Amino acid sequence: MGTQTAFRTTWTRAAAALAALLAAAGAPAQASALRPPGIRFGVDVLVDGVPRPQYPARGTVYLEALRGREYTIRLSNALPVRVAVALSVDGLNTIDAETSSAWNAAKWVLEPYETVEIPGWQVSGEAARRFVFTGERSSYGAWLGQTENLGVIEAVFFRERRGWGGIDPLMERRPTPGAAQGAPAPQAAEAGEALDDAYAATGMGDRQEHRVQRVHLRLEREPVAVVRLRYEFRSQLERLGVLLPRRSPLERREGARGFPGYCPEPPHW
């Protein structure tokens, strides 16, 4: 079985350096000793560093998209071995914007028990463009003419095969494939296709430094986990019955009462 190319963030290198320092100081060097509390296999969407609530319903997991807000995807490895994660947003690989199978996709590498944050579309070996919630017409997928899978974030986790793995020493002299060589040229949307900004999708936000390093791995063929999230604006989640409709101001005022109880006392007066 051949090797696969994957990418890891500079946070991973920092974690490896921390492990080396701990080992040099006589601390346990095993990955399990560095395991953060509460780690799990998972995918979280962060807005301003705060995970968006997830709502299991209708056989899937939903979250509310916040129009115009940038977001980060947090990946968590629950295993004591490295994993490679094929991560797509709106059906597009977050590394090169390709639409291949998960097995053939370029992947993110997570060290044992590691958690990493992917801030956006990787457009070079040094930078990413932030994920941002937008309507369908303003999405990256619409620009590429790839609109079949808008509104979905999916991560497929593959375990590294034991006994082999290494960093490619030529990474710094090689161009990053796919988006690192420039985004693919936009393709014409299908005739008659109607995009609607009432529905959520993901666009490109500001550029952010996000350095990556190429790694070659041998992976087990079958994934150990698949996590799929469906995201929509609140109005659509209410239509689907995932969230209850918010009360209108008039409904709130209709519930007002003149004598709700005694006057509350400030605690230190």
C-alpha atoms as a PDB file:
ATOM      1  CA  MET A   1       0.000   0.000   0.000  1.00  0.00           C
ATOM      2  CA  GLY A   2       1.460   3.393  -1.024  1.00  0.00           C
ATOM      3  CA  THR A   3       1.989   6.415   1.098  1.00  0.00           C
ATOM      4  CA  GLN A   4      -0.274   9.447   1.263  1.00  0.00           C
ATOM      5  CA  THR A   5       0.597  13.108   1.517  1.00  0.00           C
ATOM      6  CA  ALA A   6      -0.876  14.987   4.437  1.00  0.00           C
ATOM      7  CA  PHE A   7      -0.275  18.321   6.130  1.00  0.00           C
ATOM      8  CA  ARG A   8       0.172  19.405   9.694  1.00  0.00           C
ATOM      9  CA  THR A   9       0.054  22.842  11.229  1.00  0.00           C
ATOM     10  CA  THR A  10       2.846  24.626  13.085  1.00  0.00           C
ATOM     11  CA  TRP A  11       0.913  23.963  16.331  1.00  0.00           C
ATOM     12  CA  THR A  12       1.832  20.301  15.840  1.00  0.00           C
ATOM     13  CA  ARG A  13       5.496  21.184  15.641  1.00  0.00           C
ATOM     14  CA  ALA A  14       5.149  23.216  18.816  1.00  0.00           C
ATOM     15  CA  ALA A  15       3.525  20.247  20.541  1.00  0.00           C
ATOM     16  CA  ALA A  16       6.364  17.988  19.389  1.00  0.00           C
ATOM     17  CA  ALA A  17       8.888  20.466  20.759  1.00  0.00           C
ATOM     18  CA  LEU A  18       7.014  20.514  24.068  1.00  0.00           C
ATOM     19  CA  ALA A  19       7.171  16.721  24.225  1.00  0.00           C
ATOM     20  CA  ALA A  20      10.927  16.838  23.607  1.00  0.00           C
ATOM     21  CA  LEU A  21      11.393  19.422  26.362  1.00  0.00           C
ATOM     22  CA  LEU A  22       9.372  17.347  28.793  1.00  0.00           C
ATOM     23  CA  ALA A  23      11.388  14.261  27.941  1.00  0.00           C
ATOM     24  CA  ALA A  24      14.654  16.171  28.423  1.00  0.00           C
ATOM     25  CA  ALA A  25      13.395  17.340  31.805  1.00  0.00           C
ATOM     26  CA  GLY A  26      12.673  13.789  32.884  1.00  0.00           C
ATOM     27  CA  ALA A  27       8.884  14.053  32.461  1.00  0.00           C
ATOM     28  CA  PRO A  28       6.970  11.164  30.845  1.00  0.00           C
ATOM     29  CA  ALA A  29       7.446  11.361  27.063  1.00  0.00           C
ATOM     30  CA  GLN A  30       4.533   9.120  26.085  1.00  0.00           C
ATOM     31  CA  ALA A  31       1.752  10.774  24.127  1.00  0.00           C
ATOM     32  CA  SER A  32      -0.772   9.690  26.744  1.00  0.00           C
ATOM     33  CA  ALA A  33       1.052  11.834  29.298  1.00  0.00           C
ATOM     34  CA  LEU A  34       0.259  14.903  27.185  1.00  0.00           C
ATOM     35  CA  ARG A  35      -3.373  14.080  26.630  1.00  0.00           C
ATOM     36  CA  PRO A  36      -5.549  17.131  27.368  1.00  0.00           C
ATOM     37  CA  PRO A  37      -8.537  16.460  29.619  1.00  0.00           C
ATOM     38  CA  GLY A  38     -11.842  15.765  27.906  1.00  0.00           C
ATOM     39  CA  ILE A  39     -10.343  15.111  24.464  1.00  0.00           C
ATOM     40  CA  ARG A  40     -12.483  13.174  21.985  1.00  0.00           C
ATOM     41  CA  PHE A  41     -12.826  12.370  18.326  1.00  0.00           C
ATOM     42  CA  GLY A  42     -14.678  15.381  17.156  1.00  0.00           C
ATOM     43  CA  VAL A  43     -15.325  18.379  14.990  1.00  0.00           C
ATOM     44  CA  ASP A  44     -16.302  21.702  16.541  1.00  0.00           C
ATOM     45  CA  VAL A  45     -17.099  24.998  14.855  1.00  0.00           C
ATOM     46  CA  LEU A  46     -15.738  27.979  16.800  1.00  0.00           C
ATOM     47  CA  VAL A  47     -16.915  31.575  16.461  1.00  0.00           C
ATOM     48  CA  ASP A  48     -14.755  34.005  18.460  1.00  0.00           C
ATOM     49  CA  GLY A  49     -13.177  30.950  20.073  1.00  0.00           C
ATOM     50  CA  VAL A  50     -16.507  29.616  21.395  1.00  0.00           C
ATOM     51  CA  PRO A  51     -17.929  26.308  20.060  1.00  0.00           C
ATOM     52  CA  ARG A  52     -21.290  26.633  18.364  1.00  0.00           C
ATOM     53  CA  PRO A  53     -23.970  24.413  19.942  1.00  0.00           C
ATOM     54  CA  GLN A  54     -24.729  21.215  18.048  1.00  0.00           C
ATOM     55  CA  TYR A  55     -28.265  19.857  17.726  1.00  0.00           C
ATOM     56  CA  PRO A  56     -28.829  16.161  16.901  1.00  0.00           C
ATOM     57  CA  ALA A  57     -32.073  15.885  14.920  1.00  0.00           C
ATOM     58  CA  ARG A  58     -33.545  14.150  11.884  1.00  0.00           C
ATOM     59  CA  GLY A  59     -30.694  11.628  11.811  1.00  0.00           C
ATOM     60  CA  THR A  60     -27.921  14.223  11.575  1.00  0.00           C
ATOM     61  CA  VAL A  61     -26.207  16.923  13.632  1.00  0.00           C
ATOM     62  CA  TYR A  62     -27.015  20.590  12.975  1.00  0.00           C
ATOM     63  CA  LEU A  63     -25.511  23.879  14.034  1.00  0.00           C
ATOM     64  CA  GLU A  64     -26.630  27.446  13.550  1.00  0.00           C
ATOM     65  CA  ALA A  65     -24.608  29.535  11.085  1.00  0.00           C
ATOM     66  CA  LEU A  66     -24.131  33.207  11.949  1.00  0.00           C
ATOM     67  CA  ARG A  67     -24.273  35.258   8.771  1.00  0.00           C
ATOM     68  CA  GLY A  68     -21.124  37.262   8.097  1.00  0.00           C
ATOM     69  CA  ARG A  69     -19.131  35.736  10.977  1.00  0.00           C
ATOM     70  CA  GLU A  70     -15.759  34.064  10.505  1.00  0.00           C
ATOM     71  CA  TYR A  71     -15.298  30.640  12.053  1.00  0.00           C
ATOM     72  CA  THR A  72     -12.633  28.045  12.820  1.00  0.00           C
ATOM     73  CA  ILE A  73     -12.916  24.257  12.693  1.00  0.00           C
ATOM     74  CA  ARG A  74     -11.424  22.382  15.641  1.00  0.00           C
ATOM     75  CA  LEU A  75     -10.404  18.743  15.075  1.00  0.00           C
ATOM     76  CA  SER A  76      -9.720  16.338  17.965  1.00  0.00           C
ATOM     77  CA  ASN A  77      -7.894  13.015  17.889  1.00  0.00           C
ATOM     78  CA  ALA A  78      -9.035  10.528  20.537  1.00  0.00           C
ATOM     79  CA  LEU A  79      -6.351   7.908  19.770  1.00  0.00           C
ATOM     80  CA  PRO A  80      -2.811   7.310  21.102  1.00  0.00           C
ATOM     81  CA  VAL A  81      -1.547   7.207  17.470  1.00  0.00           C
ATOM     82  CA  ARG A  82      -1.418   9.748  14.675  1.00  0.00           C
ATOM     83  CA  VAL A  83      -4.434  10.189  12.435  1.00  0.00           C
ATOM     84  CA  ALA A  84      -4.931  11.925   9.102  1.00  0.00           C
ATOM     85  CA  VAL A  85      -8.193  13.810   8.626  1.00  0.00           C
ATOM     86  CA  ALA A  86      -9.832  14.537   5.302  1.00  0.00           C
ATOM     87  CA  LEU A  87     -11.746  17.750   6.017  1.00  0.00           C
ATOM     88  CA  SER A  88     -14.227  19.237   3.597  1.00  0.00           C
ATOM     89  CA  VAL A  89     -16.480  22.292   3.773  1.00  0.00           C
ATOM     90  CA  ASP A  90     -19.350  22.492   1.292  1.00  0.00           C
ATOM     91  CA  GLY A  91     -17.898  19.398  -0.383  1.00  0.00           C
ATOM     92  CA  LEU A  92     -14.530  21.106  -1.025  1.00  0.00           C
ATOM     93  CA  ASN A  93     -11.270  19.923   0.511  1.00  0.00           C
ATOM     94  CA  THR A  94     -10.013  22.604   2.894  1.00  0.00           C
ATOM     95  CA  ILE A  95      -6.419  22.136   1.671  1.00  0.00           C
ATOM     96  CA  ASP A  96      -6.759  22.202  -2.121  1.00  0.00           C
ATOM     97  CA  ALA A  97     -10.502  22.715  -2.861  1.00  0.00           C
ATOM     98  CA  GLU A  98     -10.660  19.358  -4.652  1.00  0.00           C
ATOM     99  CA  THR A  99     -13.771  17.153  -4.623  1.00  0.00           C
ATOM    100  CA  SER A 100     -12.136  13.709  -4.472  1.00  0.00           C
ATOM    101  CA  SER A 101     -13.037  10.824  -2.193  1.00  0.00           C
ATOM    102  CA  ALA A 102     -11.947  11.026   1.443  1.00  0.00           C
ATOM    103  CA  TRP A 103      -9.310   8.342   0.842  1.00  0.00           C
ATOM    104  CA  ASN A 104      -7.698  10.243  -2.036  1.00  0.00           C
ATOM    105  CA  ALA A 105      -8.004  13.662  -0.393  1.00  0.00           C
ATOM    106  CA  ALA A 106      -5.102  15.676   1.000  1.00  0.00           C
ATOM    107  CA  LYS A 107      -5.414  15.414   4.767  1.00  0.00           C
ATOM    108  CA  TRP A 108      -4.579  17.148   8.018  1.00  0.00           C
ATOM    109  CA  VAL A 109      -2.316  15.261  10.456  1.00  0.00           C
ATOM    110  CA  LEU A 110      -3.061  15.126  14.181  1.00  0.00           C
ATOM    111  CA  GLU A 111      -0.585  13.766  16.684  1.00  0.00           C
ATOM    112  CA  PRO A 112      -1.775  11.364  19.429  1.00  0.00           C
ATOM    113  CA  TYR A 113      -4.573  12.981  21.445  1.00  0.00           C
ATOM    114  CA  GLU A 114      -3.958  16.276  19.675  1.00  0.00           C
ATOM    115  CA  THR A 115      -6.464  19.041  19.015  1.00  0.00           C
ATOM    116  CA  VAL A 116      -5.812  21.451  16.135  1.00  0.00           C
ATOM    117  CA  GLU A 117      -7.704  24.428  14.765  1.00  0.00           C
ATOM    118  CA  ILE A 118      -8.108  24.966  11.027  1.00  0.00           C
ATOM    119  CA  PRO A 119      -8.878  28.664  10.446  1.00  0.00           C
ATOM    120  CA  GLY A 120      -9.800  28.592   6.787  1.00  0.00           C
ATOM    121  CA  TRP A 121      -9.079  27.551   3.217  1.00  0.00           C
ATOM    122  CA  GLN A 122      -5.347  26.802   2.867  1.00  0.00           C
ATOM    123  CA  VAL A 123      -4.223  29.003  -0.056  1.00  0.00           C
ATOM    124  CA  SER A 124      -0.443  28.502   0.291  1.00  0.00           C
ATOM    125  CA  GLY A 125       2.105  26.824   2.503  1.00  0.00           C
ATOM    126  CA  GLU A 126       2.063  29.869   4.754  1.00  0.00           C
ATOM    127  CA  ALA A 127      -1.485  31.267   4.746  1.00  0.00           C
ATOM    128  CA  ALA A 128      -5.185  30.475   4.863  1.00  0.00           C
ATOM    129  CA  ARG A 129      -8.277  32.525   4.007  1.00  0.00           C
ATOM    130  CA  ARG A 130     -10.758  32.491   6.874  1.00  0.00           C
ATOM    131  CA  PHE A 131     -13.959  30.460   6.744  1.00  0.00           C
ATOM    132  CA  VAL A 132     -16.919  32.848   6.859  1.00  0.00           C
ATOM    133  CA  PHE A 133     -20.631  32.076   6.973  1.00  0.00           C
ATOM    134  CA  THR A 134     -22.370  33.606   3.989  1.00  0.00           C
ATOM    135  CA  GLY A 135     -25.277  32.976   1.636  1.00  0.00           C
ATOM    136  CA  GLU A 136     -25.102  30.543  -1.256  1.00  0.00           C
ATOM    137  CA  ARG A 137     -24.460  33.166  -3.941  1.00  0.00           C
ATOM    138  CA  SER A 138     -21.431  34.580  -2.103  1.00  0.00           C
ATOM    139  CA  SER A 139     -19.900  31.220  -1.244  1.00  0.00           C
ATOM    140  CA  TYR A 140     -16.538  29.849  -2.346  1.00  0.00           C
ATOM    141  CA  GLY A 141     -18.380  26.885  -3.824  1.00  0.00           C
ATOM    142  CA  ALA A 142     -20.459  29.198  -6.021  1.00  0.00           C
ATOM    143  CA  TRP A 143     -17.289  30.912  -7.275  1.00  0.00           C
ATOM    144  CA  LEU A 144     -15.874  27.496  -8.188  1.00  0.00           C
ATOM    145  CA  GLY A 145     -19.147  26.303  -9.698  1.00  0.00           C
ATOM    146  CA  GLN A 146     -19.309  23.502  -7.104  1.00  0.00           C
ATOM    147  CA  THR A 147     -22.655  23.934  -5.341  1.00  0.00           C
ATOM    148  CA  GLU A 148     -23.933  20.380  -4.895  1.00  0.00           C
ATOM    149  CA  ASN A 149     -22.858  20.083  -1.238  1.00  0.00           C
ATOM    150  CA  LEU A 150     -23.319  23.508   0.324  1.00  0.00           C
ATOM    151  CA  GLY A 151     -24.084  23.556   4.040  1.00  0.00           C
ATOM    152  CA  VAL A 152     -22.044  20.507   5.089  1.00  0.00           C
ATOM    153  CA  ILE A 153     -18.815  20.148   7.078  1.00  0.00           C
ATOM    154  CA  GLU A 154     -17.396  16.625   7.088  1.00  0.00           C
ATOM    155  CA  ALA A 155     -14.255  15.131   8.632  1.00  0.00           C
ATOM    156  CA  VAL A 156     -13.074  11.574   7.929  1.00  0.00           C
ATOM    157  CA  PHE A 157     -10.408  10.233  10.325  1.00  0.00           C
ATOM    158  CA  PHE A 158      -7.869   7.611   9.185  1.00  0.00           C
ATOM    159  CA  ARG A 159      -5.492   5.884  11.607  1.00  0.00           C
ATOM    160  CA  GLU A 160      -1.787   5.715  10.759  1.00  0.00           C
ATOM    161  CA  ARG A 161      -0.452   2.217  10.130  1.00  0.00           C
ATOM    162  CA  ARG A 162       2.038   1.199  12.770  1.00  0.00           C
ATOM    163  CA  GLY A 163       5.743   1.062  12.016  1.00  0.00           C
ATOM    164  CA  TRP A 164       6.285   3.794   9.425  1.00  0.00           C
ATOM    165  CA  GLY A 165       6.032   7.528   8.994  1.00  0.00           C
ATOM    166  CA  GLY A 166       8.281  10.464   8.466  1.00  0.00           C
ATOM    167  CA  ILE A 167       8.565  14.132   7.630  1.00  0.00           C
ATOM    168  CA  ASP A 168       9.443  14.966   4.048  1.00  0.00           C
ATOM    169  CA  PRO A 169      12.761  16.903   4.266  1.00  0.00           C
ATOM    170  CA  LEU A 170      12.073  18.603   0.919  1.00  0.00           C
ATOM    171  CA  MET A 171       8.867  20.273   2.069  1.00  0.00           C
ATOM    172  CA  GLU A 172      10.355  23.775   2.095  1.00  0.00           C
ATOM    173  CA  ARG A 173      11.512  23.458  -1.534  1.00  0.00           C
ATOM    174  CA  ARG A 174       8.310  22.014  -2.972  1.00  0.00           C
ATOM    175  CA  PRO A 175       5.175  23.902  -3.966  1.00  0.00           C
ATOM    176  CA  THR A 176       2.084  22.925  -2.028  1.00  0.00           C
ATOM    177  CA  PRO A 177      -0.343  21.151  -4.399  1.00  0.00           C
ATOM    178  CA  GLY A 178      -3.795  22.425  -5.242  1.00  0.00           C
ATOM    179  CA  ALA A 179      -4.691  25.741  -3.679  1.00  0.00           C
ATOM    180  CA  ALA A 180      -1.056  26.472  -2.792  1.00  0.00           C
ATOM    181  CA  GLN A 181      -0.391  26.901  -6.527  1.00  0.00           C
ATOM    182  CA  GLY A 182      -3.409  29.166  -6.888  1.00  0.00           C
ATOM    183  CA  ALA A 183      -7.115  28.458  -6.556  1.00  0.00           C
ATOM    184  CA  PRO A 184      -8.731  26.476  -9.388  1.00  0.00           C
ATOM    185  CA  ALA A 185     -10.331  28.554 -12.099  1.00  0.00           C
ATOM    186  CA  PRO A 186     -14.055  29.096 -11.511  1.00  0.00           C
ATOM    187  CA  GLN A 187     -16.395  26.836 -13.436  1.00  0.00           C
ATOM    188  CA  ALA A 188     -19.739  27.825 -14.872  1.00  0.00           C
ATOM    189  CA  ALA A 189     -22.708  26.882 -12.707  1.00  0.00           C
ATOM    190  CA  GLU A 190     -25.224  24.484 -14.175  1.00  0.00           C
ATOM    191  CA  ALA A 191     -27.831  26.061 -16.383  1.00  0.00           C
ATOM    192  CA  GLY A 192     -30.930  27.020 -14.463  1.00  0.00           C
ATOM    193  CA  GLU A 193     -29.299  26.501 -11.084  1.00  0.00           C
ATOM    194  CA  ALA A 194     -30.819  28.899  -8.577  1.00  0.00           C
ATOM    195  CA  LEU A 195     -28.734  29.838  -5.562  1.00  0.00           C
ATOM    196  CA  ASP A 196     -30.491  31.465  -2.626  1.00  0.00           C
ATOM    197  CA  ASP A 197     -28.823  33.601   0.048  1.00  0.00           C
ATOM    198  CA  ALA A 198     -31.524  32.530   2.512  1.00  0.00           C
ATOM    199  CA  TYR A 199     -29.465  29.352   2.882  1.00  0.00           C
ATOM    200  CA  ALA A 200     -26.036  29.185   4.527  1.00  0.00           C
ATOM    201  CA  ALA A 201     -22.743  28.397   2.833  1.00  0.00           C
ATOM    202  CA  THR A 202     -19.077  29.270   3.408  1.00  0.00           C
ATOM    203  CA  GLY A 203     -17.098  32.015   1.730  1.00  0.00           C
ATOM    204  CA  MET A 204     -13.530  33.303   1.957  1.00  0.00           C
ATOM    205  CA  GLY A 205     -12.656  35.811   4.642  1.00  0.00           C
ATOM    206  CA  ASP A 206      -9.445  37.605   5.551  1.00  0.00           C
ATOM    207  CA  ARG A 207      -6.002  36.118   4.993  1.00  0.00           C
ATOM    208  CA  GLN A 208      -4.343  34.663   8.105  1.00  0.00           C
ATOM    209  CA  GLU A 209      -0.910  33.201   8.655  1.00  0.00           C
ATOM    210  CA  HIS A 210      -1.216  29.429   8.865  1.00  0.00           C
ATOM    211  CA  ARG A 211       1.964  27.531   8.067  1.00  0.00           C
ATOM    212  CA  VAL A 212       1.822  23.868   7.146  1.00  0.00           C
ATOM    213  CA  GLN A 213       4.366  21.092   6.784  1.00  0.00           C
ATOM    214  CA  ARG A 214       4.132  18.152   4.408  1.00  0.00           C
ATOM    215  CA  VAL A 215       4.140  14.672   5.970  1.00  0.00           C
ATOM    216  CA  HIS A 216       4.037  11.262   4.280  1.00  0.00           C
ATOM    217  CA  LEU A 217       1.954   8.603   6.029  1.00  0.00           C
ATOM    218  CA  ARG A 218       0.775   5.069   5.502  1.00  0.00           C
ATOM    219  CA  LEU A 219      -2.820   4.852   6.614  1.00  0.00           C
ATOM    220  CA  GLU A 220      -5.292   2.119   7.378  1.00  0.00           C
ATOM    221  CA  ARG A 221      -7.737   1.861   4.527  1.00  0.00           C
ATOM    222  CA  GLU A 222     -10.943   2.068   6.574  1.00  0.00           C
ATOM    223  CA  PRO A 223     -11.691   5.271   8.500  1.00  0.00           C
ATOM    224  CA  VAL A 224     -11.992   5.097  12.261  1.00  0.00           C
ATOM    225  CA  ALA A 225     -14.521   7.932  12.442  1.00  0.00           C
ATOM    226  CA  VAL A 226     -16.683  10.084  10.206  1.00  0.00           C
ATOM    227  CA  VAL A 227     -18.167  13.302  11.597  1.00  0.00           C
ATOM    228  CA  ARG A 228     -20.667  15.263   9.531  1.00  0.00           C
ATOM    229  CA  LEU A 229     -22.264  18.573  10.504  1.00  0.00           C
ATOM    230  CA  ARG A 230     -25.111  20.345   8.698  1.00  0.00           C
ATOM    231  CA  TYR A 231     -25.230  24.096   9.170  1.00  0.00           C
ATOM    232  CA  GLU A 232     -28.045  26.509   8.378  1.00  0.00           C
ATOM    233  CA  PHE A 233     -29.187  29.966   9.361  1.00  0.00           C
ATOM    234  CA  ARG A 234     -31.636  29.986  12.257  1.00  0.00           C
ATOM    235  CA  SER A 235     -34.711  30.587  10.099  1.00  0.00           C
ATOM    236  CA  GLN A 236     -34.055  27.354   8.200  1.00  0.00           C
ATOM    237  CA  LEU A 237     -33.365  25.394  11.388  1.00  0.00           C
ATOM    238  CA  GLU A 238     -36.737  26.589  12.668  1.00  0.00           C
ATOM    239  CA  ARG A 239     -38.420  25.450   9.443  1.00  0.00           C
ATOM    240  CA  LEU A 240     -36.777  22.027   9.842  1.00  0.00           C
ATOM    241  CA  GLY A 241     -38.005  21.806  13.437  1.00  0.00           C
ATOM    242  CA  VAL A 242     -34.446  21.636  14.791  1.00  0.00           C
ATOM    243  CA  LEU A 243     -34.899  24.861  16.776  1.00  0.00           C
ATOM    244  CA  LEU A 244     -38.080  26.315  18.211  1.00  0.00           C
ATOM    245  CA  PRO A 245     -39.161  29.638  16.707  1.00  0.00           C
ATOM    246  CA  ARG A 246     -38.248  32.642  18.796  1.00  0.00           C
ATOM    247  CA  ARG A 247     -41.099  34.591  20.377  1.00  0.00           C
ATOM    248  CA  SER A 248     -41.944  37.792  18.606  1.00  0.00           C
ATOM    249  CA  PRO A 249     -41.757  41.029  20.659  1.00  0.00           C
ATOM    250  CA  LEU A 250     -45.559  41.149  20.635  1.00  0.00           C
ATOM    251  CA  GLU A 251     -45.808  37.602  22.037  1.00  0.00           C
ATOM    252  CA  ARG A 252     -43.326  38.518  24.765  1.00  0.00           C
ATOM    253  CA  ARG A 253     -45.355  41.593  25.710  1.00  0.00           C
ATOM    254  CA  GLU A 254     -48.584  39.592  25.757  1.00  0.00           C
ATOM    255  CA  GLY A 255     -47.114  37.522  28.585  1.00  0.00           C
ATOM    256  CA  ALA A 256     -46.388  40.573  30.763  1.00  0.00           C
ATOM    257  CA  ARG A 257     -47.964  40.812  34.242  1.00  0.00           C
ATOM    258  CA  GLY A 258     -48.483  43.770  36.550  1.00  0.00           C
ATOM    259  CA  PHE A 259     -47.678  42.010  39.858  1.00  0.00           C
ATOM    260  CA  PRO A 260     -45.119  39.239  39.355  1.00  0.00           C
ATOM    261  CA  GLY A 261     -44.119  39.051  43.062  1.00  0.00           C
ATOM    262  CA  TYR A 262     -42.201  40.886  45.791  1.00  0.00           C
ATOM    263  CA  CYS A 263     -39.479  43.441  45.121  1.00  0.00           C
ATOM    264  CA  PRO A 264     -36.019  41.853  45.003  1.00  0.00           C
ATOM    265  CA  GLU A 265     -33.378  43.103  47.438  1.00  0.00           C
ATOM    266  CA  PRO A 266     -29.791  43.877  46.415  1.00  0.00           C
ATOM    267  CA  PRO A 267     -27.568  41.398  48.312  1.00  0.00           C
ATOM    268  CA  HIS A 268     -25.235  43.915  49.997  1.00  0.00           C
ATOM    269  CA  TRP A 269     -27.518  46.840  50.791  1.00  0.00           C
END
